[in-house]
Amino acid sequence: FYTIAFFKYIVCTTINFFIIFGIVMAVLFKATIAEAWKELLLILLGAFVGNLNKVIDFWFSNEDRDKMLVQKMDEEDGVSLSSANTEE
């Protein structure tokens, strides 16, 4: 039932949660960061944003699936106004 992709999603989401939690705690408690660590933290933050972008793209940018859903809804209504095979 659960696939490898699902477990990868869970791991990435959990890591992302703890990163956000750590950032919020650092801001709330006004933590001071040494200059040597700032560059490393910025690199980690950039990797986090890139990872989050890939997760969002994976779940929300499937145009073929969207076209198929619209076509199926049209067919259930008895009127087929859209075609999943038509390219714009």
PDB file of N, CA and C in Angstrom:
ATOM      1  N   PHE A   1       0.823  -1.195   0.000  1.00  0.00           N
ATOM      2  CA  PHE A   1       0.000   0.000   0.000  1.00  0.00           C
ATOM      3  C   PHE A   1       0.867   1.258   0.000  1.00  0.00           C
ATOM      4  N   TYR A   2       1.837   1.326   0.892  1.00  0.00           N
ATOM      5  CA  TYR A   2       2.722   2.477   0.932  1.00  0.00           C
ATOM      6  C   TYR A   2       3.914   2.243   0.017  1.00  0.00           C
ATOM      7  N   THR A   3       4.239   3.241  -0.756  1.00  0.00           N
ATOM      8  CA  THR A   3       5.349   3.111  -1.696  1.00  0.00           C
ATOM      9  C   THR A   3       6.589   3.809  -1.145  1.00  0.00           C
ATOM     10  N   ILE A   4       7.694   3.608  -1.826  1.00  0.00           N
ATOM     11  CA  ILE A   4       8.946   4.257  -1.445  1.00  0.00           C
ATOM     12  C   ILE A   4       8.799   5.776  -1.559  1.00  0.00           C
ATOM     13  N   ALA A   5       8.085   6.241  -2.580  1.00  0.00           N
ATOM     14  CA  ALA A   5       7.878   7.677  -2.766  1.00  0.00           C
ATOM     15  C   ALA A   5       7.124   8.274  -1.578  1.00  0.00           C
ATOM     16  N   PHE A   6       6.173   7.521  -1.031  1.00  0.00           N
ATOM     17  CA  PHE A   6       5.424   7.993   0.129  1.00  0.00           C
ATOM     18  C   PHE A   6       6.341   8.164   1.334  1.00  0.00           C
ATOM     19  N   PHE A   7       7.214   7.185   1.563  1.00  0.00           N
ATOM     20  CA  PHE A   7       8.137   7.281   2.691  1.00  0.00           C
ATOM     21  C   PHE A   7       9.151   8.409   2.495  1.00  0.00           C
ATOM     22  N   LYS A   8       9.593   8.630   1.261  1.00  0.00           N
ATOM     23  CA  LYS A   8      10.483   9.756   0.986  1.00  0.00           C
ATOM     24  C   LYS A   8       9.772  11.071   1.285  1.00  0.00           C
ATOM     25  N   TYR A   9       8.506  11.154   0.920  1.00  0.00           N
ATOM     26  CA  TYR A   9       7.714  12.349   1.188  1.00  0.00           C
ATOM     27  C   TYR A   9       7.607  12.588   2.692  1.00  0.00           C
ATOM     28  N   ILE A  10       7.337  11.536   3.453  1.00  0.00           N
ATOM     29  CA  ILE A  10       7.204  11.661   4.903  1.00  0.00           C
ATOM     30  C   ILE A  10       8.521  12.129   5.525  1.00  0.00           C
ATOM     31  N   VAL A  11       9.640  11.556   5.088  1.00  0.00           N
ATOM     32  CA  VAL A  11      10.945  11.941   5.624  1.00  0.00           C
ATOM     33  C   VAL A  11      11.253  13.397   5.303  1.00  0.00           C
ATOM     34  N   CYS A  12      11.039  13.800   4.053  1.00  0.00           N
ATOM     35  CA  CYS A  12      11.310  15.190   3.653  1.00  0.00           C
ATOM     36  C   CYS A  12      10.409  16.163   4.399  1.00  0.00           C
ATOM     37  N   THR A  13       9.154  15.820   4.556  1.00  0.00           N
ATOM     38  CA  THR A  13       8.221  16.686   5.260  1.00  0.00           C
ATOM     39  C   THR A  13       8.606  16.820   6.729  1.00  0.00           C
ATOM     40  N   THR A  14       9.016  15.724   7.349  1.00  0.00           N
ATOM     41  CA  THR A  14       9.431  15.763   8.749  1.00  0.00           C
ATOM     42  C   THR A  14      10.679  16.624   8.927  1.00  0.00           C
ATOM     43  N   ILE A  15      11.655  16.449   8.049  1.00  0.00           N
ATOM     44  CA  ILE A  15      12.871  17.269   8.116  1.00  0.00           C
ATOM     45  C   ILE A  15      12.530  18.739   7.919  1.00  0.00           C
ATOM     46  N   ASN A  16      11.671  19.031   6.945  1.00  0.00           N
ATOM     47  CA  ASN A  16      11.262  20.412   6.699  1.00  0.00           C
ATOM     48  C   ASN A  16      10.552  21.008   7.916  1.00  0.00           C
ATOM     49  N   PHE A  17       9.722  20.207   8.580  1.00  0.00           N
ATOM     50  CA  PHE A  17       9.031  20.680   9.775  1.00  0.00           C
ATOM     51  C   PHE A  17      10.033  21.076  10.851  1.00  0.00           C
ATOM     52  N   PHE A  18      11.020  20.225  11.098  1.00  0.00           N
ATOM     53  CA  PHE A  18      11.999  20.532  12.141  1.00  0.00           C
ATOM     54  C   PHE A  18      12.876  21.729  11.775  1.00  0.00           C
ATOM     55  N   ILE A  19      13.155  21.916  10.507  1.00  0.00           N
ATOM     56  CA  ILE A  19      13.915  23.105  10.092  1.00  0.00           C
ATOM     57  C   ILE A  19      13.103  24.367  10.375  1.00  0.00           C
ATOM     58  N   ILE A  20      11.836  24.366   9.984  1.00  0.00           N
ATOM     59  CA  ILE A  20      10.979  25.523  10.242  1.00  0.00           C
ATOM     60  C   ILE A  20      10.831  25.748  11.745  1.00  0.00           C
ATOM     61  N   PHE A  21      10.645  24.680  12.496  1.00  0.00           N
ATOM     62  CA  PHE A  21      10.517  24.783  13.954  1.00  0.00           C
ATOM     63  C   PHE A  21      11.776  25.393  14.565  1.00  0.00           C
ATOM     64  N   GLY A  22      12.943  24.958  14.109  1.00  0.00           N
ATOM     65  CA  GLY A  22      14.201  25.502  14.609  1.00  0.00           C
ATOM     66  C   GLY A  22      14.364  26.977  14.298  1.00  0.00           C
ATOM     67  N   ILE A  23      13.977  27.371  13.085  1.00  0.00           N
ATOM     68  CA  ILE A  23      14.061  28.788  12.701  1.00  0.00           C
ATOM     69  C   ILE A  23      13.125  29.630  13.569  1.00  0.00           C
ATOM     70  N   VAL A  24      11.908  29.151  13.781  1.00  0.00           N
ATOM     71  CA  VAL A  24      10.942  29.886  14.600  1.00  0.00           C
ATOM     72  C   VAL A  24      11.453  30.013  16.032  1.00  0.00           C
ATOM     73  N   MET A  25      11.997  28.940  16.590  1.00  0.00           N
ATOM     74  CA  MET A  25      12.531  28.989  17.961  1.00  0.00           C
ATOM     75  C   MET A  25      13.712  29.969  18.052  1.00  0.00           C
ATOM     76  N   ALA A  26      14.579  29.964  17.054  1.00  0.00           N
ATOM     77  CA  ALA A  26      15.719  30.886  17.063  1.00  0.00           C
ATOM     78  C   ALA A  26      15.251  32.336  17.013  1.00  0.00           C
ATOM     79  N   VAL A  27      14.216  32.595  16.227  1.00  0.00           N
ATOM     80  CA  VAL A  27      13.693  33.958  16.138  1.00  0.00           C
ATOM     81  C   VAL A  27      12.991  34.356  17.435  1.00  0.00           C
ATOM     82  N   LEU A  28      12.200  33.449  17.991  1.00  0.00           N
ATOM     83  CA  LEU A  28      11.474  33.771  19.228  1.00  0.00           C
ATOM     84  C   LEU A  28      12.412  34.044  20.397  1.00  0.00           C
ATOM     85  N   PHE A  29      13.466  33.263  20.513  1.00  0.00           N
ATOM     86  CA  PHE A  29      14.393  33.425  21.628  1.00  0.00           C
ATOM     87  C   PHE A  29      15.577  34.330  21.280  1.00  0.00           C
ATOM     88  N   LYS A  30      15.519  34.958  20.113  1.00  0.00           N
ATOM     89  CA  LYS A  30      16.539  35.912  19.676  1.00  0.00           C
ATOM     90  C   LYS A  30      17.952  35.350  19.820  1.00  0.00           C
ATOM     91  N   ALA A  31      18.130  34.175  19.251  1.00  0.00           N
ATOM     92  CA  ALA A  31      19.430  33.506  19.324  1.00  0.00           C
ATOM     93  C   ALA A  31      20.469  34.272  18.506  1.00  0.00           C
ATOM     94  N   THR A  32      21.677  34.346  19.042  1.00  0.00           N
ATOM     95  CA  THR A  32      22.768  34.969  18.299  1.00  0.00           C
ATOM     96  C   THR A  32      23.517  33.881  17.543  1.00  0.00           C
ATOM     97  N   ILE A  33      23.903  34.195  16.328  1.00  0.00           N
ATOM     98  CA  ILE A  33      24.566  33.219  15.465  1.00  0.00           C
ATOM     99  C   ILE A  33      25.949  33.759  15.121  1.00  0.00           C
ATOM    100  N   ALA A  34      26.955  32.914  15.312  1.00  0.00           N
ATOM    101  CA  ALA A  34      28.322  33.315  14.982  1.00  0.00           C
ATOM    102  C   ALA A  34      28.452  33.471  13.469  1.00  0.00           C
ATOM    103  N   GLU A  35      29.357  34.333  13.039  1.00  0.00           N
ATOM    104  CA  GLU A  35      29.561  34.601  11.605  1.00  0.00           C
ATOM    105  C   GLU A  35      29.900  33.332  10.836  1.00  0.00           C
ATOM    106  N   ALA A  36      30.672  32.453  11.438  1.00  0.00           N
ATOM    107  CA  ALA A  36      31.077  31.220  10.748  1.00  0.00           C
ATOM    108  C   ALA A  36      29.881  30.327  10.444  1.00  0.00           C
ATOM    109  N   TRP A  37      28.854  30.364  11.284  1.00  0.00           N
ATOM    110  CA  TRP A  37      27.692  29.512  11.085  1.00  0.00           C
ATOM    111  C   TRP A  37      26.664  30.128  10.145  1.00  0.00           C
ATOM    112  N   LYS A  38      26.705  31.431   9.966  1.00  0.00           N
ATOM    113  CA  LYS A  38      25.687  32.083   9.140  1.00  0.00           C
ATOM    114  C   LYS A  38      25.710  31.580   7.700  1.00  0.00           C
ATOM    115  N   GLU A  39      26.899  31.415   7.129  1.00  0.00           N
ATOM    116  CA  GLU A  39      26.995  30.940   5.741  1.00  0.00           C
ATOM    117  C   GLU A  39      26.459  29.522   5.611  1.00  0.00           C
ATOM    118  N   LEU A  40      26.797  28.670   6.566  1.00  0.00           N
ATOM    119  CA  LEU A  40      26.303  27.293   6.541  1.00  0.00           C
ATOM    120  C   LEU A  40      24.784  27.254   6.668  1.00  0.00           C
ATOM    121  N   LEU A  41      24.245  28.070   7.549  1.00  0.00           N
ATOM    122  CA  LEU A  41      22.791  28.113   7.722  1.00  0.00           C
ATOM    123  C   LEU A  41      22.084  28.650   6.480  1.00  0.00           C
ATOM    124  N   LEU A  42      22.701  29.606   5.799  1.00  0.00           N
ATOM    125  CA  LEU A  42      22.106  30.108   4.560  1.00  0.00           C
ATOM    126  C   LEU A  42      22.111  29.036   3.469  1.00  0.00           C
ATOM    127  N   ILE A  43      23.175  28.244   3.405  1.00  0.00           N
ATOM    128  CA  ILE A  43      23.221  27.137   2.435  1.00  0.00           C
ATOM    129  C   ILE A  43      22.142  26.114   2.751  1.00  0.00           C
ATOM    130  N   LEU A  44      21.990  25.775   4.038  1.00  0.00           N
ATOM    131  CA  LEU A  44      20.943  24.824   4.437  1.00  0.00           C
ATOM    132  C   LEU A  44      19.554  25.377   4.149  1.00  0.00           C
ATOM    133  N   LEU A  45      19.360  26.662   4.379  1.00  0.00           N
ATOM    134  CA  LEU A  45      18.068  27.271   4.088  1.00  0.00           C
ATOM    135  C   LEU A  45      17.772  27.240   2.590  1.00  0.00           C
ATOM    136  N   GLY A  46      18.787  27.487   1.765  1.00  0.00           N
ATOM    137  CA  GLY A  46      18.608  27.401   0.311  1.00  0.00           C
ATOM    138  C   GLY A  46      18.248  25.997  -0.134  1.00  0.00           C
ATOM    139  N   ALA A  47      18.903  24.989   0.455  1.00  0.00           N
ATOM    140  CA  ALA A  47      18.579  23.603   0.125  1.00  0.00           C
ATOM    141  C   ALA A  47      17.161  23.270   0.569  1.00  0.00           C
ATOM    142  N   PHE A  48      16.767  23.792   1.702  1.00  0.00           N
ATOM    143  CA  PHE A  48      15.409  23.573   2.202  1.00  0.00           C
ATOM    144  C   PHE A  48      14.374  24.152   1.248  1.00  0.00           C
ATOM    145  N   VAL A  49      14.594  25.365   0.786  1.00  0.00           N
ATOM    146  CA  VAL A  49      13.648  26.008  -0.133  1.00  0.00           C
ATOM    147  C   VAL A  49      13.579  25.238  -1.455  1.00  0.00           C
ATOM    148  N   GLY A  50      14.733  24.786  -1.950  1.00  0.00           N
ATOM    149  CA  GLY A  50      14.741  23.986  -3.177  1.00  0.00           C
ATOM    150  C   GLY A  50      13.993  22.685  -3.009  1.00  0.00           C
ATOM    151  N   ASN A  51      14.168  22.029  -1.876  1.00  0.00           N
ATOM    152  CA  ASN A  51      13.472  20.778  -1.599  1.00  0.00           C
ATOM    153  C   ASN A  51      11.974  21.010  -1.496  1.00  0.00           C
ATOM    154  N   LEU A  52      11.585  22.052  -0.789  1.00  0.00           N
ATOM    155  CA  LEU A  52      10.168  22.362  -0.648  1.00  0.00           C
ATOM    156  C   LEU A  52       9.540  22.682  -2.001  1.00  0.00           C
ATOM    157  N   ASN A  53      10.280  23.363  -2.867  1.00  0.00           N
ATOM    158  CA  ASN A  53       9.798  23.679  -4.209  1.00  0.00           C
ATOM    159  C   ASN A  53       9.542  22.401  -4.999  1.00  0.00           C
ATOM    160  N   LYS A  54      10.436  21.425  -4.888  1.00  0.00           N
ATOM    161  CA  LYS A  54      10.243  20.157  -5.610  1.00  0.00           C
ATOM    162  C   LYS A  54       9.030  19.402  -5.084  1.00  0.00           C
ATOM    163  N   VAL A  55       8.810  19.425  -3.782  1.00  0.00           N
ATOM    164  CA  VAL A  55       7.644  18.750  -3.203  1.00  0.00           C
ATOM    165  C   VAL A  55       6.361  19.395  -3.701  1.00  0.00           C
ATOM    166  N   ILE A  56       6.320  20.714  -3.709  1.00  0.00           N
ATOM    167  CA  ILE A  56       5.126  21.419  -4.185  1.00  0.00           C
ATOM    168  C   ILE A  56       4.896  21.138  -5.661  1.00  0.00           C
ATOM    169  N   ASP A  57       5.950  21.164  -6.476  1.00  0.00           N
ATOM    170  CA  ASP A  57       5.807  20.855  -7.899  1.00  0.00           C
ATOM    171  C   ASP A  57       5.300  19.435  -8.111  1.00  0.00           C
ATOM    172  N   PHE A  58       5.786  18.500  -7.320  1.00  0.00           N
ATOM    173  CA  PHE A  58       5.367  17.104  -7.471  1.00  0.00           C
ATOM    174  C   PHE A  58       3.871  16.951  -7.215  1.00  0.00           C
ATOM    175  N   TRP A  59       3.354  17.594  -6.188  1.00  0.00           N
ATOM    176  CA  TRP A  59       1.966  17.391  -5.810  1.00  0.00           C
ATOM    177  C   TRP A  59       0.994  18.290  -6.566  1.00  0.00           C
ATOM    178  N   PHE A  60       1.436  19.441  -7.071  1.00  0.00           N
ATOM    179  CA  PHE A  60       0.479  20.398  -7.612  1.00  0.00           C
ATOM    180  C   PHE A  60       0.658  20.769  -9.076  1.00  0.00           C
ATOM    181  N   SER A  61       1.605  20.188  -9.797  1.00  0.00           N
ATOM    182  CA  SER A  61       1.790  20.635 -11.185  1.00  0.00           C
ATOM    183  C   SER A  61       1.678  19.490 -12.185  1.00  0.00           C
ATOM    184  N   ASN A  62       0.630  18.731 -12.089  1.00  0.00           N
ATOM    185  CA  ASN A  62       0.409  17.655 -13.033  1.00  0.00           C
ATOM    186  C   ASN A  62      -0.743  18.050 -13.954  1.00  0.00           C
ATOM    187  N   GLU A  63      -0.416  18.686 -15.073  1.00  0.00           N
ATOM    188  CA  GLU A  63      -1.448  19.199 -15.972  1.00  0.00           C
ATOM    189  C   GLU A  63      -2.241  18.078 -16.644  1.00  0.00           C
ATOM    190  N   ASP A  64      -1.587  16.977 -16.970  1.00  0.00           N
ATOM    191  CA  ASP A  64      -2.305  15.869 -17.606  1.00  0.00           C
ATOM    192  C   ASP A  64      -3.383  15.321 -16.676  1.00  0.00           C
ATOM    193  N   ARG A  65      -3.041  15.169 -15.407  1.00  0.00           N
ATOM    194  CA  ARG A  65      -4.020  14.665 -14.448  1.00  0.00           C
ATOM    195  C   ARG A  65      -5.170  15.660 -14.305  1.00  0.00           C
ATOM    196  N   ASP A  66      -4.861  16.961 -14.291  1.00  0.00           N
ATOM    197  CA  ASP A  66      -5.904  17.973 -14.193  1.00  0.00           C
ATOM    198  C   ASP A  66      -6.838  17.917 -15.401  1.00  0.00           C
ATOM    199  N   LYS A  67      -6.270  17.772 -16.593  1.00  0.00           N
ATOM    200  CA  LYS A  67      -7.092  17.685 -17.799  1.00  0.00           C
ATOM    201  C   LYS A  67      -7.989  16.451 -17.769  1.00  0.00           C
ATOM    202  N   MET A  68      -7.438  15.334 -17.282  1.00  0.00           N
ATOM    203  CA  MET A  68      -8.233  14.106 -17.202  1.00  0.00           C
ATOM    204  C   MET A  68      -9.388  14.276 -16.208  1.00  0.00           C
ATOM    205  N   LEU A  69      -9.146  14.941 -15.080  1.00  0.00           N
ATOM    206  CA  LEU A  69     -10.210  15.166 -14.105  1.00  0.00           C
ATOM    207  C   LEU A  69     -11.317  16.040 -14.689  1.00  0.00           C
ATOM    208  N   VAL A  70     -10.947  17.095 -15.409  1.00  0.00           N
ATOM    209  CA  VAL A  70     -11.945  17.963 -16.025  1.00  0.00           C
ATOM    210  C   VAL A  70     -12.747  17.190 -17.068  1.00  0.00           C
ATOM    211  N   GLN A  71     -12.057  16.388 -17.869  1.00  0.00           N
ATOM    212  CA  GLN A  71     -12.751  15.610 -18.889  1.00  0.00           C
ATOM    213  C   GLN A  71     -13.708  14.610 -18.244  1.00  0.00           C
ATOM    214  N   LYS A  72     -13.292  13.975 -17.167  1.00  0.00           N
ATOM    215  CA  LYS A  72     -14.147  12.992 -16.505  1.00  0.00           C
ATOM    216  C   LYS A  72     -15.375  13.669 -15.906  1.00  0.00           C
ATOM    217  N   MET A  73     -15.203  14.861 -15.329  1.00  0.00           N
ATOM    218  CA  MET A  73     -16.356  15.590 -14.781  1.00  0.00           C
ATOM    219  C   MET A  73     -17.312  15.981 -15.894  1.00  0.00           C
ATOM    220  N   ASP A  74     -16.771  16.400 -17.048  1.00  0.00           N
ATOM    221  CA  ASP A  74     -17.624  16.755 -18.179  1.00  0.00           C
ATOM    222  C   ASP A  74     -18.403  15.538 -18.667  1.00  0.00           C
ATOM    223  N   GLU A  75     -17.732  14.381 -18.732  1.00  0.00           N
ATOM    224  CA  GLU A  75     -18.405  13.170 -19.207  1.00  0.00           C
ATOM    225  C   GLU A  75     -19.491  12.726 -18.243  1.00  0.00           C
ATOM    226  N   GLU A  76     -19.268  12.916 -16.939  1.00  0.00           N
ATOM    227  CA  GLU A  76     -20.298  12.556 -15.963  1.00  0.00           C
ATOM    228  C   GLU A  76     -21.523  13.443 -16.098  1.00  0.00           C
ATOM    229  N   ASP A  77     -21.314  14.687 -16.535  1.00  0.00           N
ATOM    230  CA  ASP A  77     -22.442  15.592 -16.764  1.00  0.00           C
ATOM    231  C   ASP A  77     -23.151  15.300 -18.082  1.00  0.00           C
ATOM    232  N   GLY A  78     -22.543  14.467 -18.913  1.00  0.00           N
ATOM    233  CA  GLY A  78     -23.138  14.143 -20.196  1.00  0.00           C
ATOM    234  C   GLY A  78     -22.691  15.053 -21.315  1.00  0.00           C
ATOM    235  N   VAL A  79     -21.875  16.036 -21.011  1.00  0.00           N
ATOM    236  CA  VAL A  79     -21.388  16.976 -22.007  1.00  0.00           C
ATOM    237  C   VAL A  79     -19.878  16.970 -21.957  1.00  0.00           C
ATOM    238  N   SER A  80     -19.245  16.655 -23.078  1.00  0.00           N
ATOM    239  CA  SER A  80     -17.786  16.654 -23.124  1.00  0.00           C
ATOM    240  C   SER A  80     -17.303  17.939 -23.804  1.00  0.00           C
ATOM    241  N   LEU A  81     -16.941  18.908 -22.972  1.00  0.00           N
ATOM    242  CA  LEU A  81     -16.497  20.196 -23.491  1.00  0.00           C
ATOM    243  C   LEU A  81     -14.996  20.282 -23.644  1.00  0.00           C
ATOM    244  N   SER A  82     -14.300  19.390 -22.965  1.00  0.00           N
ATOM    245  CA  SER A  82     -12.833  19.440 -23.008  1.00  0.00           C
ATOM    246  C   SER A  82     -12.297  18.098 -23.485  1.00  0.00           C
ATOM    247  N   SER A  83     -11.075  18.152 -23.945  1.00  0.00           N
ATOM    248  CA  SER A  83     -10.411  16.938 -24.409  1.00  0.00           C
ATOM    249  C   SER A  83      -9.016  16.875 -23.764  1.00  0.00           C
ATOM    250  N   ALA A  84      -8.708  15.745 -23.141  1.00  0.00           N
ATOM    251  CA  ALA A  84      -7.417  15.601 -22.472  1.00  0.00           C
ATOM    252  C   ALA A  84      -6.289  15.429 -23.483  1.00  0.00           C
ATOM    253  N   ASN A  85      -6.631  15.066 -24.696  1.00  0.00           N
ATOM    254  CA  ASN A  85      -5.595  14.817 -25.705  1.00  0.00           C
ATOM    255  C   ASN A  85      -5.250  16.064 -26.512  1.00  0.00           C
ATOM    256  N   THR A  86      -6.030  17.117 -26.378  1.00  0.00           N
ATOM    257  CA  THR A  86      -5.801  18.330 -27.153  1.00  0.00           C
ATOM    258  C   THR A  86      -4.678  19.140 -26.539  1.00  0.00           C
ATOM    259  N   GLU A  87      -3.699  19.502 -27.346  1.00  0.00           N
ATOM    260  CA  GLU A  87      -2.584  20.336 -26.899  1.00  0.00           C
ATOM    261  C   GLU A  87      -2.901  21.774 -27.243  1.00  0.00           C
ATOM    262  N   GLU A  88      -2.533  22.685 -26.348  1.00  0.00           N
ATOM    263  CA  GLU A  88      -2.797  24.109 -26.608  1.00  0.00           C
ATOM    264  C   GLU A  88      -1.603  24.767 -27.194  1.00  0.00           C
TER     265      GLU A  88
END
